[in-house]
Amino acid sequence: MLIITIPIQNHSVNLNMPTNQAAPKNPVEPVVVNIDVDFDGTVLWNGVAVANRNELEAKLTEVATQADQPEVHLRPNAVVPYKS
């Protein structure tokens, strides 16, 4: 009788991961801008109607140039045409 033993094979790799950094004490809530597109194509910026496309582009440019850019949520109506 012959008995052979081999070490157990591990299918993992041991990694030295960095330790957790301290979380900020006062997390800042991001500013959110809601852009709604109504069923008739009316565009609303935080609930206020935007007069035309140029005004919308001006508002988006203003937001894009800020140091702490807000989140922009685009919420179109389900029946609005894609071109709107």
PDB file of N, CA and C in Angstrom:
ATOM      1  N   MET A   1       0.843  -1.155   0.000  1.00  0.00           N
ATOM      2  CA  MET A   1       0.000   0.000   0.000  1.00  0.00           C
ATOM      3  C   MET A   1       0.897   1.229   0.000  1.00  0.00           C
ATOM      4  N   LEU A   2       0.531   2.223  -0.816  1.00  0.00           N
ATOM      5  CA  LEU A   2       1.292   3.458  -0.937  1.00  0.00           C
ATOM      6  C   LEU A   2       0.352   4.623  -0.666  1.00  0.00           C
ATOM      7  N   ILE A   3       0.673   5.497   0.294  1.00  0.00           N
ATOM      8  CA  ILE A   3      -0.120   6.664   0.629  1.00  0.00           C
ATOM      9  C   ILE A   3       0.698   7.907   0.306  1.00  0.00           C
ATOM     10  N   ILE A   4       0.149   8.758  -0.532  1.00  0.00           N
ATOM     11  CA  ILE A   4       0.831   9.995  -0.910  1.00  0.00           C
ATOM     12  C   ILE A   4      -0.017  11.157  -0.412  1.00  0.00           C
ATOM     13  N   THR A   5       0.599  12.120   0.226  1.00  0.00           N
ATOM     14  CA  THR A   5      -0.102  13.318   0.675  1.00  0.00           C
ATOM     15  C   THR A   5       0.490  14.535  -0.017  1.00  0.00           C
ATOM     16  N   ILE A   6      -0.397  15.483  -0.363  1.00  0.00           N
ATOM     17  CA  ILE A   6       0.059  16.733  -0.973  1.00  0.00           C
ATOM     18  C   ILE A   6      -0.602  17.878  -0.216  1.00  0.00           C
ATOM     19  N   PRO A   7       0.014  19.059  -0.227  1.00  0.00           N
ATOM     20  CA  PRO A   7      -0.612  20.195   0.461  1.00  0.00           C
ATOM     21  C   PRO A   7      -1.898  20.626  -0.251  1.00  0.00           C
ATOM     22  N   ILE A   8      -2.815  21.189   0.507  1.00  0.00           N
ATOM     23  CA  ILE A   8      -4.081  21.663  -0.040  1.00  0.00           C
ATOM     24  C   ILE A   8      -3.809  22.853  -0.953  1.00  0.00           C
ATOM     25  N   GLN A   9      -4.436  22.856  -2.119  1.00  0.00           N
ATOM     26  CA  GLN A   9      -4.255  23.936  -3.083  1.00  0.00           C
ATOM     27  C   GLN A   9      -5.257  25.057  -2.798  1.00  0.00           C
ATOM     28  N   ASN A  10      -4.752  26.249  -2.640  1.00  0.00           N
ATOM     29  CA  ASN A  10      -5.603  27.430  -2.466  1.00  0.00           C
ATOM     30  C   ASN A  10      -5.771  28.118  -3.810  1.00  0.00           C
ATOM     31  N   HIS A  11      -6.992  28.449  -4.130  1.00  0.00           N
ATOM     32  CA  HIS A  11      -7.275  29.152  -5.386  1.00  0.00           C
ATOM     33  C   HIS A  11      -7.481  30.634  -5.121  1.00  0.00           C
ATOM     34  N   SER A  12      -6.676  31.169  -4.274  1.00  0.00           N
ATOM     35  CA  SER A  12      -6.794  32.584  -3.956  1.00  0.00           C
ATOM     36  C   SER A  12      -5.404  33.199  -3.923  1.00  0.00           C
ATOM     37  N   VAL A  13      -5.393  34.511  -4.026  1.00  0.00           N
ATOM     38  CA  VAL A  13      -4.149  35.261  -3.970  1.00  0.00           C
ATOM     39  C   VAL A  13      -4.246  36.198  -2.774  1.00  0.00           C
ATOM     40  N   ASN A  14      -3.280  36.156  -1.919  1.00  0.00           N
ATOM     41  CA  ASN A  14      -3.275  37.045  -0.760  1.00  0.00           C
ATOM     42  C   ASN A  14      -2.746  38.411  -1.179  1.00  0.00           C
ATOM     43  N   LEU A  15      -3.528  39.439  -0.884  1.00  0.00           N
ATOM     44  CA  LEU A  15      -3.159  40.809  -1.223  1.00  0.00           C
ATOM     45  C   LEU A  15      -3.135  41.649   0.041  1.00  0.00           C
ATOM     46  N   ASN A  16      -2.198  42.557   0.105  1.00  0.00           N
ATOM     47  CA  ASN A  16      -2.159  43.528   1.188  1.00  0.00           C
ATOM     48  C   ASN A  16      -2.861  44.784   0.706  1.00  0.00           C
ATOM     49  N   MET A  17      -4.100  44.956   1.140  1.00  0.00           N
ATOM     50  CA  MET A  17      -4.911  46.091   0.711  1.00  0.00           C
ATOM     51  C   MET A  17      -4.678  47.266   1.647  1.00  0.00           C
ATOM     52  N   PRO A  18      -4.852  48.500   1.132  1.00  0.00           N
ATOM     53  CA  PRO A  18      -4.677  49.669   1.996  1.00  0.00           C
ATOM     54  C   PRO A  18      -5.778  49.709   3.062  1.00  0.00           C
ATOM     55  N   THR A  19      -5.451  50.330   4.163  1.00  0.00           N
ATOM     56  CA  THR A  19      -6.419  50.431   5.242  1.00  0.00           C
ATOM     57  C   THR A  19      -7.424  51.529   4.939  1.00  0.00           C
ATOM     58  N   ASN A  20      -8.540  51.500   5.618  1.00  0.00           N
ATOM     59  CA  ASN A  20      -9.608  52.464   5.410  1.00  0.00           C
ATOM     60  C   ASN A  20      -9.206  53.834   5.944  1.00  0.00           C
ATOM     61  N   GLN A  21      -9.436  54.863   5.123  1.00  0.00           N
ATOM     62  CA  GLN A  21      -9.187  56.232   5.553  1.00  0.00           C
ATOM     63  C   GLN A  21     -10.383  56.708   6.368  1.00  0.00           C
ATOM     64  N   ALA A  22     -10.143  57.666   7.219  1.00  0.00           N
ATOM     65  CA  ALA A  22     -11.229  58.225   8.026  1.00  0.00           C
ATOM     66  C   ALA A  22     -12.226  58.936   7.115  1.00  0.00           C
ATOM     67  N   ALA A  23     -13.501  58.693   7.351  1.00  0.00           N
ATOM     68  CA  ALA A  23     -14.550  59.337   6.558  1.00  0.00           C
ATOM     69  C   ALA A  23     -14.662  60.803   6.958  1.00  0.00           C
ATOM     70  N   PRO A  24     -15.077  61.659   6.033  1.00  0.00           N
ATOM     71  CA  PRO A  24     -15.247  63.070   6.391  1.00  0.00           C
ATOM     72  C   PRO A  24     -16.286  63.223   7.492  1.00  0.00           C
ATOM     73  N   LYS A  25     -16.042  64.154   8.391  1.00  0.00           N
ATOM     74  CA  LYS A  25     -16.924  64.329   9.541  1.00  0.00           C
ATOM     75  C   LYS A  25     -18.273  64.912   9.142  1.00  0.00           C
ATOM     76  N   ASN A  26     -18.275  65.854   8.236  1.00  0.00           N
ATOM     77  CA  ASN A  26     -19.516  66.491   7.802  1.00  0.00           C
ATOM     78  C   ASN A  26     -19.660  66.328   6.296  1.00  0.00           C
ATOM     79  N   PRO A  27     -20.232  65.199   5.843  1.00  0.00           N
ATOM     80  CA  PRO A  27     -20.376  65.040   4.390  1.00  0.00           C
ATOM     81  C   PRO A  27     -21.340  66.081   3.844  1.00  0.00           C
ATOM     82  N   VAL A  28     -21.000  66.615   2.690  1.00  0.00           N
ATOM     83  CA  VAL A  28     -21.802  67.665   2.065  1.00  0.00           C
ATOM     84  C   VAL A  28     -22.770  67.006   1.082  1.00  0.00           C
ATOM     85  N   GLU A  29     -24.043  67.319   1.231  1.00  0.00           N
ATOM     86  CA  GLU A  29     -25.039  66.804   0.298  1.00  0.00           C
ATOM     87  C   GLU A  29     -24.890  67.531  -1.039  1.00  0.00           C
ATOM     88  N   PRO A  30     -24.887  66.789  -2.146  1.00  0.00           N
ATOM     89  CA  PRO A  30     -24.744  67.455  -3.440  1.00  0.00           C
ATOM     90  C   PRO A  30     -25.987  68.254  -3.798  1.00  0.00           C
ATOM     91  N   VAL A  31     -25.778  69.325  -4.541  1.00  0.00           N
ATOM     92  CA  VAL A  31     -26.885  70.125  -5.058  1.00  0.00           C
ATOM     93  C   VAL A  31     -27.435  69.386  -6.278  1.00  0.00           C
ATOM     94  N   VAL A  32     -28.746  69.299  -6.378  1.00  0.00           N
ATOM     95  CA  VAL A  32     -29.377  68.573  -7.483  1.00  0.00           C
ATOM     96  C   VAL A  32     -30.202  69.549  -8.316  1.00  0.00           C
ATOM     97  N   VAL A  33     -29.978  69.526  -9.624  1.00  0.00           N
ATOM     98  CA  VAL A  33     -30.772  70.312 -10.566  1.00  0.00           C
ATOM     99  C   VAL A  33     -31.654  69.327 -11.327  1.00  0.00           C
ATOM    100  N   ASN A  34     -32.965  69.528 -11.268  1.00  0.00           N
ATOM    101  CA  ASN A  34     -33.917  68.664 -11.980  1.00  0.00           C
ATOM    102  C   ASN A  34     -34.376  69.359 -13.248  1.00  0.00           C
ATOM    103  N   ILE A  35     -34.157  68.695 -14.373  1.00  0.00           N
ATOM    104  CA  ILE A  35     -34.633  69.188 -15.660  1.00  0.00           C
ATOM    105  C   ILE A  35     -35.738  68.237 -16.100  1.00  0.00           C
ATOM    106  N   ASP A  36     -36.968  68.745 -16.131  1.00  0.00           N
ATOM    107  CA  ASP A  36     -38.124  67.951 -16.536  1.00  0.00           C
ATOM    108  C   ASP A  36     -38.543  68.374 -17.931  1.00  0.00           C
ATOM    109  N   VAL A  37     -38.901  67.379 -18.751  1.00  0.00           N
ATOM    110  CA  VAL A  37     -39.446  67.651 -20.081  1.00  0.00           C
ATOM    111  C   VAL A  37     -40.874  67.125 -20.059  1.00  0.00           C
ATOM    112  N   ASP A  38     -41.834  68.054 -20.173  1.00  0.00           N
ATOM    113  CA  ASP A  38     -43.244  67.704 -20.083  1.00  0.00           C
ATOM    114  C   ASP A  38     -43.714  67.062 -21.385  1.00  0.00           C
ATOM    115  N   PHE A  39     -44.916  66.503 -21.391  1.00  0.00           N
ATOM    116  CA  PHE A  39     -45.447  65.776 -22.550  1.00  0.00           C
ATOM    117  C   PHE A  39     -45.552  66.647 -23.799  1.00  0.00           C
ATOM    118  N   ASP A  40     -45.716  67.961 -23.626  1.00  0.00           N
ATOM    119  CA  ASP A  40     -45.822  68.854 -24.785  1.00  0.00           C
ATOM    120  C   ASP A  40     -44.486  69.476 -25.183  1.00  0.00           C
ATOM    121  N   GLY A  41     -43.390  69.063 -24.554  1.00  0.00           N
ATOM    122  CA  GLY A  41     -42.059  69.565 -24.893  1.00  0.00           C
ATOM    123  C   GLY A  41     -41.604  70.718 -24.032  1.00  0.00           C
ATOM    124  N   THR A  42     -42.409  71.143 -23.065  1.00  0.00           N
ATOM    125  CA  THR A  42     -42.023  72.221 -22.160  1.00  0.00           C
ATOM    126  C   THR A  42     -40.895  71.748 -21.256  1.00  0.00           C
ATOM    127  N   VAL A  43     -39.847  72.560 -21.152  1.00  0.00           N
ATOM    128  CA  VAL A  43     -38.699  72.218 -20.315  1.00  0.00           C
ATOM    129  C   VAL A  43     -38.794  73.004 -19.015  1.00  0.00           C
ATOM    130  N   LEU A  44     -38.651  72.288 -17.908  1.00  0.00           N
ATOM    131  CA  LEU A  44     -38.707  72.910 -16.581  1.00  0.00           C
ATOM    132  C   LEU A  44     -37.355  72.736 -15.896  1.00  0.00           C
ATOM    133  N   TRP A  45     -36.829  73.827 -15.354  1.00  0.00           N
ATOM    134  CA  TRP A  45     -35.568  73.831 -14.605  1.00  0.00           C
ATOM    135  C   TRP A  45     -35.937  73.998 -13.131  1.00  0.00           C
ATOM    136  N   ASN A  46     -35.835  72.934 -12.367  1.00  0.00           N
ATOM    137  CA  ASN A  46     -36.247  72.920 -10.952  1.00  0.00           C
ATOM    138  C   ASN A  46     -37.675  73.430 -10.785  1.00  0.00           C
ATOM    139  N   GLY A  47     -38.564  73.024 -11.689  1.00  0.00           N
ATOM    140  CA  GLY A  47     -39.972  73.384 -11.594  1.00  0.00           C
ATOM    141  C   GLY A  47     -40.349  74.691 -12.243  1.00  0.00           C
ATOM    142  N   VAL A  48     -39.384  75.444 -12.766  1.00  0.00           N
ATOM    143  CA  VAL A  48     -39.657  76.734 -13.412  1.00  0.00           C
ATOM    144  C   VAL A  48     -39.467  76.555 -14.919  1.00  0.00           C
ATOM    145  N   ALA A  49     -40.458  76.979 -15.697  1.00  0.00           N
ATOM    146  CA  ALA A  49     -40.401  76.819 -17.149  1.00  0.00           C
ATOM    147  C   ALA A  49     -39.258  77.629 -17.746  1.00  0.00           C
ATOM    148  N   VAL A  50     -38.557  77.024 -18.682  1.00  0.00           N
ATOM    149  CA  VAL A  50     -37.476  77.683 -19.412  1.00  0.00           C
ATOM    150  C   VAL A  50     -38.067  78.222 -20.705  1.00  0.00           C
ATOM    151  N   ALA A  51     -37.793  79.485 -21.012  1.00  0.00           N
ATOM    152  CA  ALA A  51     -38.434  80.155 -22.154  1.00  0.00           C
ATOM    153  C   ALA A  51     -38.050  79.532 -23.489  1.00  0.00           C
ATOM    154  N   ASN A  52     -36.753  79.286 -23.697  1.00  0.00           N
ATOM    155  CA  ASN A  52     -36.309  78.749 -24.984  1.00  0.00           C
ATOM    156  C   ASN A  52     -35.030  77.938 -24.797  1.00  0.00           C
ATOM    157  N   ARG A  53     -34.571  77.384 -25.908  1.00  0.00           N
ATOM    158  CA  ARG A  53     -33.376  76.525 -25.872  1.00  0.00           C
ATOM    159  C   ARG A  53     -32.123  77.315 -25.473  1.00  0.00           C
ATOM    160  N   ASN A  54     -32.015  78.580 -25.898  1.00  0.00           N
ATOM    161  CA  ASN A  54     -30.845  79.398 -25.560  1.00  0.00           C
ATOM    162  C   ASN A  54     -30.738  79.622 -24.054  1.00  0.00           C
ATOM    163  N   GLU A  55     -31.881  79.842 -23.409  1.00  0.00           N
ATOM    164  CA  GLU A  55     -31.875  80.027 -21.953  1.00  0.00           C
ATOM    165  C   GLU A  55     -31.441  78.737 -21.254  1.00  0.00           C
ATOM    166  N   LEU A  56     -31.901  77.583 -21.750  1.00  0.00           N
ATOM    167  CA  LEU A  56     -31.493  76.291 -21.174  1.00  0.00           C
ATOM    168  C   LEU A  56     -29.992  76.085 -21.331  1.00  0.00           C
ATOM    169  N   GLU A  57     -29.463  76.383 -22.514  1.00  0.00           N
ATOM    170  CA  GLU A  57     -28.025  76.233 -22.748  1.00  0.00           C
ATOM    171  C   GLU A  57     -27.223  77.173 -21.856  1.00  0.00           C
ATOM    172  N   ALA A  58     -27.728  78.389 -21.621  1.00  0.00           N
ATOM    173  CA  ALA A  58     -27.036  79.338 -20.746  1.00  0.00           C
ATOM    174  C   ALA A  58     -26.998  78.811 -19.308  1.00  0.00           C
ATOM    175  N   LYS A  59     -28.098  78.239 -18.856  1.00  0.00           N
ATOM    176  CA  LYS A  59     -28.143  77.690 -17.498  1.00  0.00           C
ATOM    177  C   LYS A  59     -27.191  76.497 -17.369  1.00  0.00           C
ATOM    178  N   LEU A  60     -27.159  75.628 -18.381  1.00  0.00           N
ATOM    179  CA  LEU A  60     -26.260  74.471 -18.345  1.00  0.00           C
ATOM    180  C   LEU A  60     -24.798  74.902 -18.380  1.00  0.00           C
ATOM    181  N   THR A  61     -24.492  75.940 -19.157  1.00  0.00           N
ATOM    182  CA  THR A  61     -23.124  76.458 -19.204  1.00  0.00           C
ATOM    183  C   THR A  61     -22.725  77.028 -17.857  1.00  0.00           C
ATOM    184  N   GLU A  62     -23.636  77.737 -17.214  1.00  0.00           N
ATOM    185  CA  GLU A  62     -23.367  78.305 -15.884  1.00  0.00           C
ATOM    186  C   GLU A  62     -23.082  77.204 -14.861  1.00  0.00           C
ATOM    187  N   VAL A  63     -23.867  76.140 -14.912  1.00  0.00           N
ATOM    188  CA  VAL A  63     -23.669  75.023 -13.984  1.00  0.00           C
ATOM    189  C   VAL A  63     -22.344  74.318 -14.266  1.00  0.00           C
ATOM    190  N   ALA A  64     -21.991  74.200 -15.545  1.00  0.00           N
ATOM    191  CA  ALA A  64     -20.764  73.490 -15.926  1.00  0.00           C
ATOM    192  C   ALA A  64     -19.507  74.230 -15.496  1.00  0.00           C
ATOM    193  N   THR A  65     -19.580  75.539 -15.340  1.00  0.00           N
ATOM    194  CA  THR A  65     -18.392  76.312 -14.979  1.00  0.00           C
ATOM    195  C   THR A  65     -18.185  76.410 -13.468  1.00  0.00           C
ATOM    196  N   GLN A  66     -19.128  75.918 -12.671  1.00  0.00           N
ATOM    197  CA  GLN A  66     -18.985  75.982 -11.223  1.00  0.00           C
ATOM    198  C   GLN A  66     -17.908  75.001 -10.758  1.00  0.00           C
ATOM    199  N   ALA A  67     -17.224  75.358  -9.674  1.00  0.00           N
ATOM    200  CA  ALA A  67     -16.188  74.484  -9.134  1.00  0.00           C
ATOM    201  C   ALA A  67     -16.790  73.194  -8.588  1.00  0.00           C
ATOM    202  N   ASP A  68     -17.834  73.305  -7.786  1.00  0.00           N
ATOM    203  CA  ASP A  68     -18.545  72.129  -7.274  1.00  0.00           C
ATOM    204  C   ASP A  68     -19.809  71.961  -8.103  1.00  0.00           C
ATOM    205  N   GLN A  69     -19.699  71.149  -9.143  1.00  0.00           N
ATOM    206  CA  GLN A  69     -20.817  71.004 -10.067  1.00  0.00           C
ATOM    207  C   GLN A  69     -21.942  70.198  -9.426  1.00  0.00           C
ATOM    208  N   PRO A  70     -23.182  70.667  -9.581  1.00  0.00           N
ATOM    209  CA  PRO A  70     -24.312  69.918  -9.028  1.00  0.00           C
ATOM    210  C   PRO A  70     -24.650  68.711  -9.896  1.00  0.00           C
ATOM    211  N   GLU A  71     -25.430  67.803  -9.323  1.00  0.00           N
ATOM    212  CA  GLU A  71     -25.947  66.685 -10.101  1.00  0.00           C
ATOM    213  C   GLU A  71     -27.080  67.211 -10.969  1.00  0.00           C
ATOM    214  N   VAL A  72     -27.113  66.794 -12.220  1.00  0.00           N
ATOM    215  CA  VAL A  72     -28.180  67.200 -13.123  1.00  0.00           C
ATOM    216  C   VAL A  72     -28.998  65.951 -13.438  1.00  0.00           C
ATOM    217  N   HIS A  73     -30.280  65.981 -13.058  1.00  0.00           N
ATOM    218  CA  HIS A  73     -31.177  64.859 -13.312  1.00  0.00           C
ATOM    219  C   HIS A  73     -32.139  65.249 -14.425  1.00  0.00           C
ATOM    220  N   LEU A  74     -32.093  64.518 -15.519  1.00  0.00           N
ATOM    221  CA  LEU A  74     -32.983  64.749 -16.656  1.00  0.00           C
ATOM    222  C   LEU A  74     -34.138  63.769 -16.544  1.00  0.00           C
ATOM    223  N   ARG A  75     -35.358  64.312 -16.456  1.00  0.00           N
ATOM    224  CA  ARG A  75     -36.529  63.467 -16.254  1.00  0.00           C
ATOM    225  C   ARG A  75     -37.576  63.777 -17.320  1.00  0.00           C
ATOM    226  N   PRO A  76     -37.494  63.098 -18.482  1.00  0.00           N
ATOM    227  CA  PRO A  76     -38.483  63.342 -19.524  1.00  0.00           C
ATOM    228  C   PRO A  76     -39.773  62.571 -19.238  1.00  0.00           C
ATOM    229  N   ASN A  77     -40.882  63.095 -19.733  1.00  0.00           N
ATOM    230  CA  ASN A  77     -42.152  62.405 -19.664  1.00  0.00           C
ATOM    231  C   ASN A  77     -42.107  61.231 -20.625  1.00  0.00           C
ATOM    232  N   ALA A  78     -42.820  60.155 -20.326  1.00  0.00           N
ATOM    233  CA  ALA A  78     -42.769  58.956 -21.152  1.00  0.00           C
ATOM    234  C   ALA A  78     -43.343  59.163 -22.550  1.00  0.00           C
ATOM    235  N   VAL A  79     -44.250  60.103 -22.726  1.00  0.00           N
ATOM    236  CA  VAL A  79     -44.889  60.295 -24.033  1.00  0.00           C
ATOM    237  C   VAL A  79     -44.272  61.440 -24.838  1.00  0.00           C
ATOM    238  N   VAL A  80     -43.270  62.114 -24.306  1.00  0.00           N
ATOM    239  CA  VAL A  80     -42.669  63.227 -25.024  1.00  0.00           C
ATOM    240  C   VAL A  80     -41.860  62.697 -26.214  1.00  0.00           C
ATOM    241  N   PRO A  81     -41.947  63.350 -27.387  1.00  0.00           N
ATOM    242  CA  PRO A  81     -41.142  62.909 -28.535  1.00  0.00           C
ATOM    243  C   PRO A  81     -39.642  63.071 -28.251  1.00  0.00           C
ATOM    244  N   TYR A  82     -38.852  62.193 -28.842  1.00  0.00           N
ATOM    245  CA  TYR A  82     -37.404  62.187 -28.607  1.00  0.00           C
ATOM    246  C   TYR A  82     -36.769  63.515 -29.007  1.00  0.00           C
ATOM    247  N   LYS A  83     -37.249  64.165 -30.039  1.00  0.00           N
ATOM    248  CA  LYS A  83     -36.665  65.426 -30.500  1.00  0.00           C
ATOM    249  C   LYS A  83     -36.765  66.531 -29.470  1.00  0.00           C
ATOM    250  N   SER A  84     -37.715  66.414 -28.547  1.00  0.00           N
ATOM    251  CA  SER A  84     -37.873  67.443 -27.506  1.00  0.00           C
ATOM    252  C   SER A  84     -36.785  67.318 -26.478  1.00  0.00           C
TER     253      SER A  84
END
